[in-house]
Amino acid sequence: MNGFVDEVEIEVISGDGGSGSVSFRREKYVPLGGPDGGDGGKGGDIRFIVKQNLKTLFALKHKKIFRAQNGFSGMGRKKHGKDGNDVIIQIPPGTLIRDIITKKVLKDFK
C-alpha cells in the first residue's frame, strides 16, 4: 500500500456550454429563408463515483485541478455542437465533500 491519505484539497470546474450559431438559410428559390443556426453543446459535468474497493484518497493527492471539457459550438444548417466530456472522480465510501471557504458539507457519500 502506497500510503493512507484521508484528506485532499481539489478544485473542480465544470465545462462551459458551446456557443450557438447565428446562421440563415440562403437558397436561390427561398427569398426569406429563416434562421437555421444550431445550438451549442452542453458543457461537461464533474461526477463523483463511490468505489467500494477504494480505501484511501491517495489517487487524488497529486492532481489538484479537475476540469470538464467545454461544449462545442453550433454550426449552420441546424448542426448542434457536441457535448463536452464529463470528468469522473472515484472516491471511497464515507467521503465528505466540503466547500473550502465555508467548510459546509455539500455531500456525504455514505
N, C-alpha and C. Protein backbone atom coordinates (compact mmCIF):
# COMPACT_ATOMS: atom_id res chain seq x y z
N MET A 1 0.85 -1.17 0.00
CA MET A 1 0.00 0.00 0.00
C MET A 1 0.89 1.24 0.00
N ASN A 2 0.59 2.18 -0.88
CA ASN A 2 1.44 3.36 -1.05
C ASN A 2 1.44 4.27 0.17
N GLY A 3 0.31 4.58 0.70
CA GLY A 3 0.19 5.48 1.83
C GLY A 3 -1.27 5.81 2.02
N PHE A 4 -1.64 6.03 3.23
CA PHE A 4 -3.04 6.32 3.52
C PHE A 4 -3.25 7.82 3.50
N VAL A 5 -4.15 8.28 2.65
CA VAL A 5 -4.48 9.70 2.54
C VAL A 5 -5.97 9.83 2.81
N ASP A 6 -6.34 10.57 3.86
CA ASP A 6 -7.76 10.69 4.18
C ASP A 6 -8.30 12.10 3.98
N GLU A 7 -7.46 13.02 3.48
CA GLU A 7 -7.94 14.37 3.22
C GLU A 7 -7.13 14.98 2.07
N VAL A 8 -7.85 15.51 1.08
CA VAL A 8 -7.21 16.21 -0.03
C VAL A 8 -8.01 17.46 -0.35
N GLU A 9 -7.33 18.43 -0.93
CA GLU A 9 -7.99 19.67 -1.37
C GLU A 9 -7.86 19.72 -2.88
N ILE A 10 -9.01 19.71 -3.58
CA ILE A 10 -9.01 19.75 -5.03
C ILE A 10 -9.93 20.87 -5.52
N GLU A 11 -9.72 21.27 -6.76
CA GLU A 11 -10.58 22.27 -7.40
C GLU A 11 -11.29 21.58 -8.55
N VAL A 12 -12.61 21.74 -8.64
CA VAL A 12 -13.39 21.14 -9.72
C VAL A 12 -14.04 22.25 -10.53
N ILE A 13 -13.97 22.12 -11.86
CA ILE A 13 -14.51 23.14 -12.77
C ILE A 13 -15.32 22.42 -13.84
N SER A 14 -16.62 22.74 -13.91
CA SER A 14 -17.45 22.14 -14.95
C SER A 14 -17.19 22.85 -16.27
N GLY A 15 -17.55 22.21 -17.37
CA GLY A 15 -17.33 22.78 -18.69
C GLY A 15 -18.38 23.83 -19.05
N ASP A 16 -17.98 24.81 -19.81
CA ASP A 16 -18.91 25.82 -20.32
C ASP A 16 -19.66 25.26 -21.51
N GLY A 17 -20.88 25.74 -21.70
CA GLY A 17 -21.65 25.35 -22.87
C GLY A 17 -21.07 26.00 -24.12
N GLY A 18 -21.25 25.35 -25.25
CA GLY A 18 -20.76 25.89 -26.52
C GLY A 18 -21.62 27.03 -27.02
N SER A 19 -21.07 27.84 -27.87
CA SER A 19 -21.80 28.97 -28.45
C SER A 19 -22.77 28.48 -29.51
N GLY A 20 -23.91 29.12 -29.57
CA GLY A 20 -24.85 28.84 -30.65
C GLY A 20 -24.37 29.52 -31.92
N SER A 21 -24.95 29.13 -33.04
CA SER A 21 -24.56 29.70 -34.32
C SER A 21 -25.65 30.61 -34.85
N VAL A 22 -25.25 31.79 -35.33
CA VAL A 22 -26.18 32.70 -35.98
C VAL A 22 -26.03 32.45 -37.48
N SER A 23 -27.06 31.85 -38.07
CA SER A 23 -26.99 31.48 -39.46
C SER A 23 -28.39 31.55 -40.06
N PHE A 24 -28.47 31.91 -41.33
CA PHE A 24 -29.75 32.00 -42.02
C PHE A 24 -29.68 31.18 -43.30
N ARG A 25 -30.80 30.59 -43.68
CA ARG A 25 -30.87 29.82 -44.92
C ARG A 25 -30.64 30.75 -46.10
N ARG A 26 -29.83 30.30 -47.04
CA ARG A 26 -29.60 31.06 -48.27
C ARG A 26 -29.76 30.12 -49.45
N GLU A 27 -30.97 30.08 -49.96
CA GLU A 27 -31.24 29.24 -51.12
C GLU A 27 -31.82 30.11 -52.22
N LYS A 28 -31.56 29.74 -53.43
CA LYS A 28 -31.93 30.56 -54.58
C LYS A 28 -33.43 30.84 -54.64
N TYR A 29 -34.25 29.84 -54.38
CA TYR A 29 -35.70 30.00 -54.55
C TYR A 29 -36.45 30.16 -53.23
N VAL A 30 -35.73 30.45 -52.16
CA VAL A 30 -36.36 30.75 -50.87
C VAL A 30 -35.93 32.16 -50.49
N PRO A 31 -36.75 33.17 -50.86
CA PRO A 31 -36.32 34.55 -50.68
C PRO A 31 -36.10 34.96 -49.23
N LEU A 32 -36.93 34.49 -48.32
CA LEU A 32 -36.77 34.88 -46.91
C LEU A 32 -36.52 33.64 -46.06
N GLY A 33 -35.44 32.96 -46.37
CA GLY A 33 -35.10 31.76 -45.60
C GLY A 33 -34.88 32.13 -44.15
N GLY A 34 -35.46 31.37 -43.25
CA GLY A 34 -35.38 31.67 -41.83
C GLY A 34 -34.05 31.27 -41.20
N PRO A 35 -33.97 31.43 -39.90
CA PRO A 35 -32.73 31.06 -39.21
C PRO A 35 -32.53 29.55 -39.21
N ASP A 36 -31.30 29.13 -39.31
CA ASP A 36 -31.00 27.70 -39.26
C ASP A 36 -29.72 27.41 -38.48
N GLY A 37 -29.40 28.26 -37.51
CA GLY A 37 -28.20 28.04 -36.70
C GLY A 37 -28.44 26.97 -35.64
N GLY A 38 -27.41 26.21 -35.34
CA GLY A 38 -27.51 25.14 -34.34
C GLY A 38 -27.14 25.62 -32.95
N ASP A 39 -27.68 24.96 -31.95
CA ASP A 39 -27.36 25.27 -30.56
C ASP A 39 -25.97 24.75 -30.21
N GLY A 40 -25.36 25.38 -29.22
CA GLY A 40 -24.07 24.92 -28.73
C GLY A 40 -24.23 23.69 -27.85
N GLY A 41 -23.21 22.88 -27.75
CA GLY A 41 -23.24 21.67 -26.94
C GLY A 41 -23.15 21.97 -25.45
N LYS A 42 -23.66 21.05 -24.64
CA LYS A 42 -23.65 21.17 -23.19
C LYS A 42 -22.23 20.96 -22.67
N GLY A 43 -21.84 21.74 -21.68
CA GLY A 43 -20.54 21.57 -21.06
C GLY A 43 -20.50 20.31 -20.20
N GLY A 44 -19.33 19.75 -20.04
CA GLY A 44 -19.17 18.53 -19.24
C GLY A 44 -19.40 18.76 -17.76
N ASP A 45 -19.75 17.71 -17.05
CA ASP A 45 -20.01 17.75 -15.61
C ASP A 45 -18.87 17.08 -14.85
N ILE A 46 -18.81 17.39 -13.55
CA ILE A 46 -17.91 16.69 -12.64
C ILE A 46 -18.77 15.70 -11.87
N ARG A 47 -18.41 14.42 -11.92
CA ARG A 47 -19.20 13.40 -11.24
C ARG A 47 -18.31 12.62 -10.28
N PHE A 48 -18.83 12.40 -9.08
CA PHE A 48 -18.14 11.60 -8.08
C PHE A 48 -18.79 10.23 -8.03
N ILE A 49 -17.99 9.18 -8.16
CA ILE A 49 -18.49 7.80 -8.15
C ILE A 49 -17.85 7.09 -6.96
N VAL A 50 -18.69 6.47 -6.12
CA VAL A 50 -18.19 5.72 -4.96
C VAL A 50 -17.77 4.34 -5.43
N LYS A 51 -16.51 3.99 -5.17
CA LYS A 51 -15.97 2.66 -5.47
C LYS A 51 -15.76 1.93 -4.15
N GLN A 52 -16.44 0.82 -3.98
CA GLN A 52 -16.40 0.08 -2.72
C GLN A 52 -15.01 -0.46 -2.39
N ASN A 53 -14.19 -0.75 -3.40
CA ASN A 53 -12.87 -1.32 -3.13
C ASN A 53 -11.80 -0.27 -2.83
N LEU A 54 -12.11 1.02 -2.93
CA LEU A 54 -11.15 2.06 -2.56
C LEU A 54 -11.18 2.29 -1.06
N LYS A 55 -10.02 2.52 -0.47
CA LYS A 55 -9.92 2.75 0.98
C LYS A 55 -9.26 4.07 1.32
N THR A 56 -8.71 4.77 0.30
CA THR A 56 -7.96 5.99 0.55
C THR A 56 -8.14 6.97 -0.62
N LEU A 57 -7.79 8.22 -0.40
CA LEU A 57 -7.84 9.25 -1.43
C LEU A 57 -6.47 9.47 -2.07
N PHE A 58 -5.61 8.49 -1.99
CA PHE A 58 -4.24 8.62 -2.48
C PHE A 58 -4.18 9.01 -3.96
N ALA A 59 -5.10 8.50 -4.77
CA ALA A 59 -5.09 8.80 -6.21
C ALA A 59 -5.34 10.28 -6.49
N LEU A 60 -5.96 10.99 -5.55
CA LEU A 60 -6.26 12.42 -5.73
C LEU A 60 -5.19 13.33 -5.12
N LYS A 61 -4.19 12.75 -4.52
CA LYS A 61 -3.19 13.54 -3.79
C LYS A 61 -2.39 14.47 -4.69
N HIS A 62 -2.04 14.02 -5.89
CA HIS A 62 -1.13 14.80 -6.74
C HIS A 62 -1.84 15.60 -7.82
N LYS A 63 -3.08 15.27 -8.13
CA LYS A 63 -3.83 16.04 -9.13
C LYS A 63 -4.77 16.96 -8.38
N LYS A 64 -4.57 18.26 -8.51
CA LYS A 64 -5.31 19.24 -7.71
C LYS A 64 -6.48 19.88 -8.45
N ILE A 65 -6.45 19.91 -9.79
CA ILE A 65 -7.50 20.57 -10.56
C ILE A 65 -8.13 19.56 -11.52
N PHE A 66 -9.45 19.47 -11.47
CA PHE A 66 -10.21 18.62 -12.36
C PHE A 66 -11.13 19.52 -13.18
N ARG A 67 -10.95 19.51 -14.50
CA ARG A 67 -11.68 20.42 -15.38
C ARG A 67 -12.40 19.60 -16.46
N ALA A 68 -13.73 19.77 -16.53
CA ALA A 68 -14.51 19.08 -17.56
C ALA A 68 -14.37 19.83 -18.89
N GLN A 69 -14.64 19.13 -19.96
CA GLN A 69 -14.49 19.70 -21.30
C GLN A 69 -15.65 20.65 -21.62
N ASN A 70 -15.34 21.71 -22.34
CA ASN A 70 -16.36 22.65 -22.79
C ASN A 70 -17.17 22.04 -23.93
N GLY A 71 -18.41 22.50 -24.08
CA GLY A 71 -19.22 22.08 -25.22
C GLY A 71 -18.71 22.75 -26.49
N PHE A 72 -18.98 22.12 -27.63
CA PHE A 72 -18.52 22.66 -28.91
C PHE A 72 -19.58 23.60 -29.48
N SER A 73 -19.17 24.50 -30.32
CA SER A 73 -20.08 25.49 -30.91
C SER A 73 -20.98 24.85 -31.96
N GLY A 74 -22.18 25.43 -32.09
CA GLY A 74 -23.09 25.00 -33.13
C GLY A 74 -22.64 25.55 -34.48
N MET A 75 -23.25 25.03 -35.55
CA MET A 75 -22.92 25.49 -36.91
C MET A 75 -24.21 25.74 -37.68
N GLY A 76 -24.07 26.24 -38.87
CA GLY A 76 -25.22 26.47 -39.73
C GLY A 76 -25.89 25.16 -40.12
N ARG A 77 -27.02 25.24 -40.79
CA ARG A 77 -27.80 24.09 -41.24
C ARG A 77 -28.30 23.24 -40.07
N LYS A 78 -28.58 23.92 -38.96
CA LYS A 78 -29.13 23.30 -37.74
C LYS A 78 -28.23 22.20 -37.18
N LYS A 79 -26.92 22.36 -37.33
CA LYS A 79 -25.97 21.40 -36.76
C LYS A 79 -25.65 21.84 -35.34
N HIS A 80 -26.05 21.02 -34.38
CA HIS A 80 -25.82 21.31 -32.97
C HIS A 80 -24.40 20.92 -32.59
N GLY A 81 -23.82 21.66 -31.64
CA GLY A 81 -22.47 21.36 -31.18
C GLY A 81 -22.44 20.11 -30.32
N LYS A 82 -21.31 19.46 -30.30
CA LYS A 82 -21.11 18.25 -29.50
C LYS A 82 -21.01 18.62 -28.02
N ASP A 83 -21.55 17.77 -27.14
CA ASP A 83 -21.45 17.97 -25.70
C ASP A 83 -20.02 17.72 -25.23
N GLY A 84 -19.63 18.42 -24.17
CA GLY A 84 -18.31 18.21 -23.58
C GLY A 84 -18.28 16.92 -22.76
N ASN A 85 -17.12 16.31 -22.64
CA ASN A 85 -16.97 15.08 -21.86
C ASN A 85 -17.00 15.37 -20.37
N ASP A 86 -17.60 14.45 -19.61
CA ASP A 86 -17.64 14.56 -18.16
C ASP A 86 -16.31 14.09 -17.56
N VAL A 87 -16.03 14.55 -16.34
CA VAL A 87 -14.89 14.05 -15.58
C VAL A 87 -15.45 13.22 -14.43
N ILE A 88 -14.98 12.01 -14.30
CA ILE A 88 -15.44 11.11 -13.24
C ILE A 88 -14.31 10.95 -12.22
N ILE A 89 -14.64 11.24 -10.97
CA ILE A 89 -13.67 11.13 -9.87
C ILE A 89 -14.12 9.99 -8.97
N GLN A 90 -13.27 8.99 -8.83
CA GLN A 90 -13.60 7.84 -8.00
C GLN A 90 -13.16 8.11 -6.56
N ILE A 91 -14.09 7.85 -5.64
CA ILE A 91 -13.83 8.11 -4.21
C ILE A 91 -14.25 6.90 -3.39
N PRO A 92 -13.67 6.74 -2.20
CA PRO A 92 -14.09 5.64 -1.33
C PRO A 92 -15.39 5.98 -0.59
N PRO A 93 -16.11 4.96 -0.12
CA PRO A 93 -17.32 5.23 0.66
C PRO A 93 -16.98 5.99 1.93
N GLY A 94 -17.89 6.85 2.36
CA GLY A 94 -17.66 7.65 3.57
C GLY A 94 -17.00 8.99 3.30
N THR A 95 -16.76 9.33 2.04
CA THR A 95 -16.11 10.59 1.69
C THR A 95 -17.07 11.76 1.88
N LEU A 96 -16.56 12.84 2.44
CA LEU A 96 -17.32 14.09 2.59
C LEU A 96 -16.79 15.11 1.60
N ILE A 97 -17.69 15.81 0.93
CA ILE A 97 -17.32 16.90 0.04
C ILE A 97 -17.68 18.19 0.76
N ARG A 98 -16.68 19.07 0.98
CA ARG A 98 -16.90 20.32 1.69
C ARG A 98 -16.51 21.51 0.85
N ASP A 99 -17.19 22.63 1.06
CA ASP A 99 -16.80 23.90 0.46
C ASP A 99 -15.56 24.38 1.21
N ILE A 100 -14.52 24.77 0.47
CA ILE A 100 -13.25 25.14 1.09
C ILE A 100 -13.35 26.43 1.91
N ILE A 101 -14.26 27.32 1.52
CA ILE A 101 -14.37 28.61 2.21
C ILE A 101 -15.26 28.52 3.44
N THR A 102 -16.47 27.98 3.25
CA THR A 102 -17.45 27.96 4.35
C THR A 102 -17.32 26.73 5.24
N LYS A 103 -16.60 25.72 4.78
CA LYS A 103 -16.44 24.44 5.49
C LYS A 103 -17.76 23.67 5.60
N LYS A 104 -18.76 24.10 4.87
CA LYS A 104 -20.07 23.44 4.88
C LYS A 104 -19.99 22.13 4.09
N VAL A 105 -20.59 21.07 4.62
CA VAL A 105 -20.61 19.78 3.94
C VAL A 105 -21.63 19.86 2.80
N LEU A 106 -21.15 19.64 1.57
CA LEU A 106 -22.01 19.69 0.40
C LEU A 106 -22.63 18.32 0.11
N LYS A 107 -21.87 17.25 0.36
CA LYS A 107 -22.37 15.91 0.09
C LYS A 107 -21.61 14.92 0.96
N ASP A 108 -22.38 13.98 1.52
CA ASP A 108 -21.81 12.89 2.31
C ASP A 108 -22.07 11.59 1.57
N PHE A 109 -21.01 10.96 1.07
CA PHE A 109 -21.12 9.70 0.34
C PHE A 109 -20.99 8.55 1.33
N LYS A 110 -22.09 8.13 1.87
CA LYS A 110 -22.10 7.06 2.89
C LYS A 110 -21.91 5.71 2.28
